[in-house]
Amino acid sequence: MTIRKIMLLGDVGVGKTSIANRLVFNRFGGDYKATVGSDIYQYEVIPSPIEEPFLFNVWDTDGNFGEALFRSVYIRGSNAALIVGDVKRRRSLDTMIELARTFETELPGRYLCCVLNKIDLLDEGEEPNVPDALVTSGLPYKLTSAASGANIVDVFQEAAAAIVRRGQ
């Protein structure tokens, strides 16, 4: 089976590990344990339109890496990245945008999507505060919740379809 590498990038505490756990194990744990270095998960995906299934190696990275990650071996061979921010922490969203721009520069032509996670923490009727810089950048983005599972599978399906379209 073909394997594709997708990175989960973003600040500490934005929910990268929770996204991976929701995707792979369909579970969410409220306890927080920071990732040190990286953890790798596997997830079988069938790209749309129906193609041959492949495995995503989902690299859940340490949020302390920041842009230094782009000078490490972790990023090599990446087919795509989901760059995660916490919808309730503006600083994490600014970091998300910076990481997305760096990813585009360092790995041109690879799929990326900005993931505004933790929408379950928004008050009823509260709209997410999507940064203007994200809207005007043209970068794709998706609202998710690892706690509820909202859009988690969708964001990986979209990444898989983009990888197939790009012939990666």
N, C-alpha and C. Protein backbone atom coordinates (compact mmCIF):
# COMPACT_ATOMS: atom_id res chain seq x y z
N MET A 1 0.85 -1.17 0.00
CA MET A 1 0.00 0.00 0.00
C MET A 1 0.90 1.24 0.00
N THR A 2 0.50 2.25 -0.75
CA THR A 2 1.23 3.50 -0.83
C THR A 2 1.09 4.28 0.48
N ILE A 3 2.18 4.94 0.86
CA ILE A 3 2.17 5.74 2.08
C ILE A 3 2.45 7.20 1.72
N ARG A 4 1.70 8.11 2.30
CA ARG A 4 1.89 9.55 2.14
C ARG A 4 2.11 10.15 3.53
N LYS A 5 2.95 11.16 3.57
CA LYS A 5 3.30 11.79 4.85
C LYS A 5 2.59 13.13 4.98
N ILE A 6 1.85 13.29 6.07
CA ILE A 6 1.16 14.54 6.36
C ILE A 6 1.59 15.02 7.74
N MET A 7 1.95 16.28 7.82
CA MET A 7 2.45 16.88 9.05
C MET A 7 1.32 17.61 9.78
N LEU A 8 1.33 17.53 11.10
CA LEU A 8 0.48 18.37 11.95
C LEU A 8 1.42 19.36 12.61
N LEU A 9 1.27 20.63 12.25
CA LEU A 9 2.15 21.68 12.74
C LEU A 9 1.33 22.69 13.53
N GLY A 10 1.98 23.41 14.44
CA GLY A 10 1.30 24.46 15.19
C GLY A 10 1.88 24.60 16.58
N ASP A 11 1.43 25.64 17.27
CA ASP A 11 1.88 25.93 18.63
C ASP A 11 1.56 24.80 19.60
N VAL A 12 2.18 24.85 20.75
CA VAL A 12 1.88 23.93 21.86
C VAL A 12 0.43 24.14 22.28
N GLY A 13 -0.28 23.05 22.51
CA GLY A 13 -1.61 23.13 23.10
C GLY A 13 -2.75 23.47 22.15
N VAL A 14 -2.52 23.42 20.84
CA VAL A 14 -3.59 23.76 19.89
C VAL A 14 -4.46 22.57 19.54
N GLY A 15 -4.04 21.36 19.93
CA GLY A 15 -4.86 20.18 19.70
C GLY A 15 -4.37 19.24 18.61
N LYS A 16 -3.10 19.31 18.26
CA LYS A 16 -2.57 18.43 17.20
C LYS A 16 -2.72 16.95 17.59
N THR A 17 -2.32 16.61 18.81
CA THR A 17 -2.42 15.23 19.27
C THR A 17 -3.88 14.80 19.38
N SER A 18 -4.73 15.70 19.84
CA SER A 18 -6.16 15.38 19.94
C SER A 18 -6.76 15.14 18.56
N ILE A 19 -6.33 15.89 17.57
CA ILE A 19 -6.80 15.67 16.20
C ILE A 19 -6.37 14.29 15.72
N ALA A 20 -5.11 13.94 15.94
CA ALA A 20 -4.61 12.62 15.53
C ALA A 20 -5.36 11.50 16.24
N ASN A 21 -5.59 11.64 17.54
CA ASN A 21 -6.32 10.62 18.29
C ASN A 21 -7.77 10.50 17.84
N ARG A 22 -8.40 11.62 17.53
CA ARG A 22 -9.79 11.58 17.03
C ARG A 22 -9.82 10.88 15.68
N LEU A 23 -8.87 11.19 14.81
CA LEU A 23 -8.83 10.61 13.47
C LEU A 23 -8.57 9.10 13.53
N VAL A 24 -7.54 8.70 14.22
CA VAL A 24 -7.07 7.31 14.19
C VAL A 24 -7.88 6.41 15.11
N PHE A 25 -8.19 6.89 16.31
CA PHE A 25 -8.84 6.04 17.32
C PHE A 25 -10.28 6.44 17.62
N ASN A 26 -10.75 7.53 17.00
CA ASN A 26 -12.07 8.09 17.25
C ASN A 26 -12.32 8.30 18.75
N ARG A 27 -11.31 8.90 19.39
CA ARG A 27 -11.46 9.20 20.81
C ARG A 27 -10.87 10.56 21.12
N PHE A 28 -11.32 11.12 22.23
CA PHE A 28 -10.82 12.40 22.70
C PHE A 28 -10.60 12.28 24.19
N GLY A 29 -9.41 12.63 24.63
CA GLY A 29 -9.10 12.63 26.06
C GLY A 29 -8.87 14.06 26.52
N GLY A 30 -9.47 14.42 27.62
CA GLY A 30 -9.33 15.77 28.13
C GLY A 30 -8.00 16.05 28.80
N ASP A 31 -7.23 15.00 29.08
CA ASP A 31 -5.94 15.21 29.73
C ASP A 31 -4.91 15.68 28.71
N TYR A 32 -4.06 16.60 29.13
CA TYR A 32 -3.09 17.19 28.22
C TYR A 32 -1.70 16.68 28.54
N LYS A 33 -1.05 16.16 27.52
CA LYS A 33 0.33 15.71 27.63
C LYS A 33 1.05 16.20 26.38
N ALA A 34 2.01 17.08 26.54
CA ALA A 34 2.72 17.67 25.40
C ALA A 34 3.51 16.61 24.64
N THR A 35 3.50 16.72 23.33
CA THR A 35 4.30 15.86 22.47
C THR A 35 5.75 16.33 22.54
N VAL A 36 6.66 15.39 22.70
CA VAL A 36 8.08 15.70 22.70
C VAL A 36 8.66 15.10 21.42
N GLY A 37 9.22 15.95 20.56
CA GLY A 37 9.73 15.48 19.27
C GLY A 37 8.58 15.30 18.31
N SER A 38 8.23 14.05 18.03
CA SER A 38 7.07 13.78 17.18
C SER A 38 6.54 12.39 17.49
N ASP A 39 5.26 12.23 17.22
CA ASP A 39 4.61 10.92 17.27
C ASP A 39 4.06 10.67 15.88
N ILE A 40 4.06 9.41 15.47
CA ILE A 40 3.59 9.06 14.13
C ILE A 40 2.42 8.09 14.25
N TYR A 41 1.35 8.43 13.56
CA TYR A 41 0.14 7.60 13.52
C TYR A 41 -0.09 7.19 12.08
N GLN A 42 -0.80 6.08 11.88
CA GLN A 42 -1.18 5.69 10.53
C GLN A 42 -2.69 5.69 10.41
N TYR A 43 -3.15 6.15 9.24
CA TYR A 43 -4.57 6.23 8.97
C TYR A 43 -4.80 5.90 7.51
N GLU A 44 -5.65 4.90 7.25
CA GLU A 44 -5.96 4.54 5.87
C GLU A 44 -7.03 5.48 5.35
N VAL A 45 -6.79 6.02 4.18
CA VAL A 45 -7.71 6.98 3.58
C VAL A 45 -8.00 6.57 2.15
N ILE A 46 -9.24 6.79 1.73
CA ILE A 46 -9.61 6.56 0.33
C ILE A 46 -9.92 7.93 -0.26
N PRO A 47 -9.02 8.44 -1.11
CA PRO A 47 -9.23 9.78 -1.68
C PRO A 47 -10.50 9.84 -2.52
N SER A 48 -11.05 11.01 -2.59
CA SER A 48 -12.24 11.23 -3.41
C SER A 48 -11.85 12.04 -4.62
N PRO A 49 -12.29 11.80 -5.80
CA PRO A 49 -13.16 10.69 -6.13
C PRO A 49 -12.45 9.35 -5.89
N ILE A 50 -13.22 8.31 -5.79
CA ILE A 50 -12.70 7.01 -5.38
C ILE A 50 -11.42 6.68 -6.14
N GLU A 51 -10.38 6.51 -5.38
CA GLU A 51 -9.06 6.13 -5.87
C GLU A 51 -8.59 4.96 -5.03
N GLU A 52 -7.39 4.49 -5.34
CA GLU A 52 -6.80 3.44 -4.51
C GLU A 52 -6.54 4.00 -3.11
N PRO A 53 -6.88 3.24 -2.08
CA PRO A 53 -6.59 3.72 -0.73
C PRO A 53 -5.08 3.82 -0.51
N PHE A 54 -4.69 4.70 0.39
CA PHE A 54 -3.30 4.77 0.81
C PHE A 54 -3.25 5.06 2.30
N LEU A 55 -2.08 4.90 2.86
CA LEU A 55 -1.89 5.18 4.28
C LEU A 55 -1.32 6.58 4.44
N PHE A 56 -1.90 7.32 5.35
CA PHE A 56 -1.29 8.56 5.79
C PHE A 56 -0.40 8.22 6.97
N ASN A 57 0.85 8.59 6.90
CA ASN A 57 1.68 8.66 8.10
C ASN A 57 1.45 10.07 8.63
N VAL A 58 0.76 10.16 9.74
CA VAL A 58 0.40 11.44 10.34
C VAL A 58 1.48 11.78 11.37
N TRP A 59 2.28 12.80 11.08
CA TRP A 59 3.35 13.22 11.98
C TRP A 59 2.82 14.33 12.88
N ASP A 60 2.64 13.99 14.14
CA ASP A 60 2.20 14.92 15.17
C ASP A 60 3.46 15.51 15.80
N THR A 61 3.71 16.79 15.55
CA THR A 61 4.98 17.39 15.95
C THR A 61 4.88 18.21 17.23
N ASP A 62 6.00 18.34 17.88
CA ASP A 62 6.17 19.16 19.08
C ASP A 62 5.95 20.62 18.71
N GLY A 63 5.05 21.29 19.42
CA GLY A 63 4.75 22.69 19.13
C GLY A 63 5.89 23.63 19.43
N ASN A 64 6.89 23.17 20.16
CA ASN A 64 8.04 24.03 20.48
C ASN A 64 9.00 24.17 19.31
N PHE A 65 8.85 23.37 18.27
CA PHE A 65 9.74 23.46 17.12
C PHE A 65 9.64 24.81 16.43
N GLY A 66 8.41 25.30 16.27
CA GLY A 66 8.22 26.54 15.51
C GLY A 66 8.80 26.39 14.11
N GLU A 67 9.37 27.46 13.59
CA GLU A 67 9.91 27.43 12.24
C GLU A 67 11.21 26.64 12.14
N ALA A 68 11.84 26.31 13.28
CA ALA A 68 13.04 25.48 13.26
C ALA A 68 12.75 24.10 12.66
N LEU A 69 11.49 23.70 12.70
CA LEU A 69 11.10 22.41 12.13
C LEU A 69 11.50 22.31 10.67
N PHE A 70 11.49 23.43 9.97
CA PHE A 70 11.79 23.41 8.54
C PHE A 70 13.28 23.19 8.27
N ARG A 71 14.10 23.19 9.30
CA ARG A 71 15.52 22.89 9.17
C ARG A 71 15.84 21.50 9.73
N SER A 72 14.80 20.72 10.06
CA SER A 72 15.01 19.40 10.65
C SER A 72 14.65 18.30 9.66
N VAL A 73 14.99 17.08 10.03
CA VAL A 73 14.68 15.93 9.18
C VAL A 73 13.20 15.58 9.21
N TYR A 74 12.47 16.05 10.22
CA TYR A 74 11.06 15.69 10.35
C TYR A 74 10.24 16.07 9.11
N ILE A 75 10.54 17.19 8.52
CA ILE A 75 9.72 17.73 7.44
C ILE A 75 10.00 17.07 6.08
N ARG A 76 11.16 16.44 5.96
CA ARG A 76 11.54 15.84 4.68
C ARG A 76 10.52 14.82 4.21
N GLY A 77 10.24 14.86 2.93
CA GLY A 77 9.33 13.89 2.33
C GLY A 77 7.86 14.14 2.60
N SER A 78 7.54 15.30 3.14
CA SER A 78 6.14 15.60 3.44
C SER A 78 5.35 15.83 2.15
N ASN A 79 4.17 15.25 2.10
CA ASN A 79 3.26 15.47 0.98
C ASN A 79 2.26 16.58 1.27
N ALA A 80 2.04 16.85 2.56
CA ALA A 80 1.02 17.83 2.94
C ALA A 80 1.22 18.23 4.40
N ALA A 81 0.54 19.31 4.77
CA ALA A 81 0.56 19.74 6.17
C ALA A 81 -0.79 20.31 6.56
N LEU A 82 -1.20 19.99 7.76
CA LEU A 82 -2.32 20.65 8.40
C LEU A 82 -1.70 21.49 9.49
N ILE A 83 -1.90 22.79 9.39
CA ILE A 83 -1.28 23.71 10.33
C ILE A 83 -2.37 24.21 11.26
N VAL A 84 -2.22 23.87 12.54
CA VAL A 84 -3.30 23.98 13.50
C VAL A 84 -3.13 25.21 14.41
N GLY A 85 -4.24 25.88 14.65
CA GLY A 85 -4.30 26.97 15.62
C GLY A 85 -5.52 26.77 16.51
N ASP A 86 -5.48 27.34 17.69
CA ASP A 86 -6.59 27.29 18.65
C ASP A 86 -7.47 28.51 18.38
N VAL A 87 -8.71 28.28 17.99
CA VAL A 87 -9.62 29.35 17.61
C VAL A 87 -9.83 30.38 18.73
N LYS A 88 -9.53 30.01 19.97
CA LYS A 88 -9.70 30.92 21.10
C LYS A 88 -8.39 31.62 21.50
N ARG A 89 -7.27 31.26 20.86
CA ARG A 89 -5.97 31.87 21.20
C ARG A 89 -5.39 32.56 19.96
N ARG A 90 -5.57 33.86 19.89
CA ARG A 90 -5.16 34.63 18.71
C ARG A 90 -3.68 34.42 18.36
N ARG A 91 -2.82 34.38 19.36
CA ARG A 91 -1.39 34.22 19.10
C ARG A 91 -1.12 32.92 18.33
N SER A 92 -1.85 31.86 18.69
CA SER A 92 -1.65 30.58 18.00
C SER A 92 -2.10 30.66 16.54
N LEU A 93 -3.10 31.50 16.27
CA LEU A 93 -3.56 31.68 14.89
C LEU A 93 -2.53 32.47 14.09
N ASP A 94 -1.90 33.45 14.71
CA ASP A 94 -0.84 34.20 14.04
C ASP A 94 0.33 33.27 13.71
N THR A 95 0.70 32.41 14.66
CA THR A 95 1.76 31.43 14.42
C THR A 95 1.36 30.48 13.30
N MET A 96 0.10 30.06 13.29
CA MET A 96 -0.40 29.18 12.25
C MET A 96 -0.18 29.79 10.86
N ILE A 97 -0.51 31.06 10.71
CA ILE A 97 -0.35 31.74 9.43
C ILE A 97 1.13 31.83 9.04
N GLU A 98 1.99 32.15 10.00
CA GLU A 98 3.44 32.21 9.73
C GLU A 98 3.97 30.85 9.29
N LEU A 99 3.57 29.79 9.99
CA LEU A 99 4.01 28.44 9.63
C LEU A 99 3.50 28.05 8.24
N ALA A 100 2.28 28.44 7.92
CA ALA A 100 1.72 28.12 6.59
C ALA A 100 2.53 28.81 5.49
N ARG A 101 2.86 30.05 5.70
CA ARG A 101 3.66 30.78 4.70
C ARG A 101 5.03 30.15 4.54
N THR A 102 5.64 29.76 5.65
CA THR A 102 6.95 29.12 5.58
C THR A 102 6.85 27.77 4.89
N PHE A 103 5.81 27.00 5.19
CA PHE A 103 5.61 25.71 4.54
C PHE A 103 5.50 25.89 3.03
N GLU A 104 4.73 26.88 2.59
CA GLU A 104 4.58 27.16 1.15
C GLU A 104 5.92 27.48 0.51
N THR A 105 6.76 28.22 1.22
CA THR A 105 8.07 28.61 0.69
C THR A 105 9.03 27.42 0.66
N GLU A 106 9.08 26.68 1.76
CA GLU A 106 10.03 25.58 1.89
C GLU A 106 9.63 24.33 1.12
N LEU A 107 8.35 24.09 0.96
CA LEU A 107 7.85 22.90 0.28
C LEU A 107 6.81 23.31 -0.77
N PRO A 108 7.23 24.05 -1.77
CA PRO A 108 6.26 24.54 -2.76
C PRO A 108 5.54 23.41 -3.47
N GLY A 109 4.26 23.66 -3.75
CA GLY A 109 3.45 22.68 -4.47
C GLY A 109 2.81 21.63 -3.60
N ARG A 110 3.15 21.60 -2.31
CA ARG A 110 2.54 20.64 -1.40
C ARG A 110 1.25 21.23 -0.85
N TYR A 111 0.31 20.35 -0.58
CA TYR A 111 -0.97 20.78 -0.02
C TYR A 111 -0.80 21.22 1.43
N LEU A 112 -1.50 22.29 1.77
CA LEU A 112 -1.59 22.70 3.17
C LEU A 112 -2.97 23.24 3.44
N CYS A 113 -3.38 23.11 4.67
CA CYS A 113 -4.65 23.67 5.12
C CYS A 113 -4.46 24.18 6.54
N CYS A 114 -4.94 25.38 6.80
CA CYS A 114 -4.94 25.93 8.15
C CYS A 114 -6.17 25.39 8.88
N VAL A 115 -5.95 24.85 10.04
CA VAL A 115 -7.02 24.21 10.81
C VAL A 115 -7.25 25.01 12.08
N LEU A 116 -8.41 25.66 12.15
CA LEU A 116 -8.79 26.43 13.33
C LEU A 116 -9.56 25.48 14.23
N ASN A 117 -8.87 24.94 15.22
CA ASN A 117 -9.40 23.88 16.07
C ASN A 117 -10.06 24.45 17.32
N LYS A 118 -10.81 23.62 17.98
CA LYS A 118 -11.49 23.90 19.25
C LYS A 118 -12.73 24.77 19.09
N ILE A 119 -13.45 24.59 17.97
CA ILE A 119 -14.67 25.37 17.79
C ILE A 119 -15.72 25.01 18.83
N ASP A 120 -15.57 23.86 19.48
CA ASP A 120 -16.49 23.47 20.55
C ASP A 120 -16.40 24.41 21.75
N LEU A 121 -15.33 25.19 21.85
CA LEU A 121 -15.16 26.12 22.97
C LEU A 121 -15.82 27.48 22.72
N LEU A 122 -16.33 27.69 21.51
CA LEU A 122 -17.02 28.94 21.22
C LEU A 122 -18.37 28.94 21.93
N ASP A 123 -18.75 30.10 22.45
CA ASP A 123 -20.05 30.23 23.08
C ASP A 123 -21.13 30.07 22.02
N GLU A 124 -22.31 29.63 22.45
CA GLU A 124 -23.43 29.46 21.52
C GLU A 124 -23.67 30.76 20.76
N GLY A 125 -23.69 30.66 19.46
CA GLY A 125 -23.91 31.83 18.61
C GLY A 125 -22.66 32.65 18.33
N GLU A 126 -21.56 32.33 19.00
CA GLU A 126 -20.30 33.07 18.79
C GLU A 126 -19.66 32.62 17.47
N GLU A 127 -19.33 33.58 16.66
CA GLU A 127 -18.65 33.30 15.40
C GLU A 127 -17.15 33.23 15.66
N PRO A 128 -16.45 32.31 14.98
CA PRO A 128 -14.99 32.26 15.16
C PRO A 128 -14.36 33.53 14.60
N ASN A 129 -13.37 34.01 15.27
CA ASN A 129 -12.66 35.20 14.83
C ASN A 129 -11.52 34.77 13.90
N VAL A 130 -11.85 34.61 12.63
CA VAL A 130 -10.85 34.22 11.64
C VAL A 130 -10.02 35.45 11.31
N PRO A 131 -8.69 35.38 11.51
CA PRO A 131 -7.85 36.55 11.26
C PRO A 131 -7.96 37.04 9.82
N ASP A 132 -8.01 38.36 9.65
CA ASP A 132 -8.06 38.96 8.31
C ASP A 132 -6.90 38.49 7.46
N ALA A 133 -5.72 38.35 8.08
CA ALA A 133 -4.54 37.92 7.33
C ALA A 133 -4.74 36.54 6.72
N LEU A 134 -5.52 35.69 7.38
CA LEU A 134 -5.81 34.36 6.84
C LEU A 134 -6.78 34.47 5.68
N VAL A 135 -7.82 35.25 5.85
CA VAL A 135 -8.84 35.42 4.80
C VAL A 135 -8.21 36.01 3.54
N THR A 136 -7.41 37.07 3.70
CA THR A 136 -6.82 37.75 2.53
C THR A 136 -5.67 36.98 1.91
N SER A 137 -5.07 36.05 2.65
CA SER A 137 -3.93 35.28 2.12
C SER A 137 -4.35 34.29 1.05
N GLY A 138 -5.62 33.89 1.09
CA GLY A 138 -6.06 32.86 0.15
C GLY A 138 -5.71 31.45 0.59
N LEU A 139 -5.10 31.32 1.76
CA LEU A 139 -4.78 29.98 2.27
C LEU A 139 -6.08 29.25 2.60
N PRO A 140 -6.16 27.98 2.27
CA PRO A 140 -7.37 27.24 2.65
C PRO A 140 -7.41 27.04 4.16
N TYR A 141 -8.62 27.07 4.71
CA TYR A 141 -8.74 26.83 6.14
C TYR A 141 -10.04 26.09 6.42
N LYS A 142 -10.04 25.43 7.58
CA LYS A 142 -11.19 24.63 8.00
C LYS A 142 -11.36 24.79 9.51
N LEU A 143 -12.61 24.85 9.95
CA LEU A 143 -12.93 24.90 11.37
C LEU A 143 -13.17 23.48 11.86
N THR A 144 -12.51 23.11 12.97
CA THR A 144 -12.62 21.74 13.48
C THR A 144 -12.79 21.72 14.99
N SER A 145 -13.15 20.54 15.48
CA SER A 145 -13.16 20.26 16.90
C SER A 145 -12.72 18.82 17.11
N ALA A 146 -11.57 18.65 17.73
CA ALA A 146 -11.15 17.29 18.06
C ALA A 146 -12.05 16.70 19.14
N ALA A 147 -12.60 17.56 20.01
CA ALA A 147 -13.47 17.08 21.08
C ALA A 147 -14.75 16.44 20.52
N SER A 148 -15.40 17.13 19.59
CA SER A 148 -16.65 16.61 19.03
C SER A 148 -16.42 15.77 17.77
N GLY A 149 -15.27 15.94 17.15
CA GLY A 149 -14.98 15.25 15.90
C GLY A 149 -15.36 16.05 14.66
N ALA A 150 -15.90 17.26 14.85
CA ALA A 150 -16.38 18.06 13.72
C ALA A 150 -15.26 18.35 12.72
N ASN A 151 -15.49 17.90 11.49
CA ASN A 151 -14.63 18.15 10.33
C ASN A 151 -13.25 17.51 10.39
N ILE A 152 -12.97 16.67 11.36
CA ILE A 152 -11.65 16.05 11.46
C ILE A 152 -11.39 15.12 10.28
N VAL A 153 -12.28 14.19 10.03
CA VAL A 153 -12.09 13.27 8.91
C VAL A 153 -12.10 14.05 7.59
N ASP A 154 -12.99 15.04 7.49
CA ASP A 154 -13.09 15.84 6.26
C ASP A 154 -11.78 16.50 5.88
N VAL A 155 -11.09 17.05 6.85
CA VAL A 155 -9.86 17.78 6.55
C VAL A 155 -8.78 16.82 6.02
N PHE A 156 -8.75 15.60 6.51
CA PHE A 156 -7.80 14.61 5.99
C PHE A 156 -8.24 14.09 4.62
N GLN A 157 -9.55 13.94 4.42
CA GLN A 157 -10.07 13.53 3.10
C GLN A 157 -9.71 14.57 2.04
N GLU A 158 -9.87 15.84 2.38
CA GLU A 158 -9.53 16.91 1.43
C GLU A 158 -8.04 16.90 1.11
N ALA A 159 -7.21 16.66 2.12
CA ALA A 159 -5.77 16.57 1.89
C ALA A 159 -5.44 15.40 0.97
N ALA A 160 -6.07 14.26 1.21
CA ALA A 160 -5.83 13.08 0.38
C ALA A 160 -6.22 13.34 -1.07
N ALA A 161 -7.38 13.95 -1.28
CA ALA A 161 -7.84 14.25 -2.64
C ALA A 161 -6.88 15.21 -3.33
N ALA A 162 -6.38 16.20 -2.59
CA ALA A 162 -5.44 17.16 -3.18
C ALA A 162 -4.13 16.49 -3.56
N ILE A 163 -3.66 15.59 -2.73
CA ILE A 163 -2.41 14.86 -3.04
C ILE A 163 -2.58 14.06 -4.32
N VAL A 164 -3.71 13.40 -4.48
CA VAL A 164 -3.96 12.60 -5.69
C VAL A 164 -4.05 13.53 -6.91
N ARG A 165 -4.79 14.65 -6.79
CA ARG A 165 -4.90 15.59 -7.91
C ARG A 165 -3.54 16.12 -8.35
N ARG A 166 -2.66 16.33 -7.38
CA ARG A 166 -1.33 16.88 -7.67
C ARG A 166 -0.34 15.82 -8.09
N GLY A 167 -0.75 14.57 -8.05
CA GLY A 167 0.12 13.48 -8.48
C GLY A 167 1.30 13.25 -7.56
N GLN A 168 1.12 13.50 -6.29
CA GLN A 168 2.23 13.32 -5.34
C GLN A 168 2.23 11.93 -4.76
